[in-house]
């Protein structure tokens, strides 16, 4: 997961996993001020911000 946070700024990244994992990942994204574009049961798409 941490590798995904090293992506280029502005790039959209899709993360697929179980609900529990994605809940934790969503909290991480929000704490790092990342833009969540799509949020579904097994999937999150976010845009990497600096």
Protein backbone atom coordinates (compact mmCIF):
# COMPACT_ATOMS: atom_id res chain seq x y z
CA UNK A 1 0.00 0.00 0.00
CA UNK A 2 2.75 2.47 0.79
CA UNK A 3 4.12 2.03 -2.74
CA UNK A 4 0.84 3.45 -4.07
CA UNK A 5 1.41 6.63 -2.08
CA UNK A 6 4.71 7.13 -3.93
CA UNK A 7 2.92 7.50 -7.29
CA UNK A 8 3.18 10.65 -9.40
CA UNK A 9 1.10 13.66 -8.33
CA UNK A 10 -2.23 13.90 -10.17
CA UNK A 11 -2.28 10.21 -11.07
CA UNK A 12 -5.49 8.27 -10.36
CA UNK A 13 -4.87 5.04 -8.46
CA UNK A 14 -7.31 2.15 -7.99
CA UNK A 15 -7.12 0.01 -4.86
CA UNK A 16 -9.08 -3.24 -4.64
CA UNK A 17 -9.42 -5.27 -1.45
CA UNK A 18 -11.74 -6.44 1.28
CA UNK A 19 -13.93 -3.95 3.14
CA UNK A 20 -11.85 -3.95 6.33
CA UNK A 21 -8.61 -3.25 4.46
CA UNK A 22 -10.22 -0.46 2.43
CA UNK A 23 -11.66 1.20 5.55
CA UNK A 24 -8.16 1.41 7.00
CA UNK A 25 -6.70 2.59 3.70
CA UNK A 26 -9.40 5.28 3.41
CA UNK A 27 -8.44 6.64 6.84
CA UNK A 28 -4.82 6.73 5.72
CA UNK A 29 -5.74 8.57 2.52
CA UNK A 30 -7.84 11.12 4.40
CA UNK A 31 -5.09 11.72 6.96
CA UNK A 32 -2.68 12.39 4.08
CA UNK A 33 -5.20 14.76 2.40
CA UNK A 34 -5.60 12.62 -0.74
CA UNK A 35 -8.64 13.07 -3.01
CA UNK A 36 -10.99 10.05 -3.04
CA UNK A 37 -12.78 9.92 -6.40
CA UNK A 38 -14.74 6.64 -6.21
CA UNK A 39 -15.61 4.64 -3.11
CA UNK A 40 -17.34 1.27 -3.46
CA UNK A 41 -17.60 -1.86 -1.35
CA UNK A 42 -14.37 -3.49 -2.61
CA UNK A 43 -12.73 -0.57 -4.41
CA UNK A 44 -11.37 2.92 -3.89
CA UNK A 45 -10.03 5.21 -6.61
CA UNK A 46 -8.08 8.23 -5.44
CA UNK A 47 -6.02 11.00 -6.98
CA UNK A 48 -2.51 11.46 -5.65
CA UNK A 49 -1.84 14.96 -4.29
CA UNK A 50 1.43 16.48 -3.19
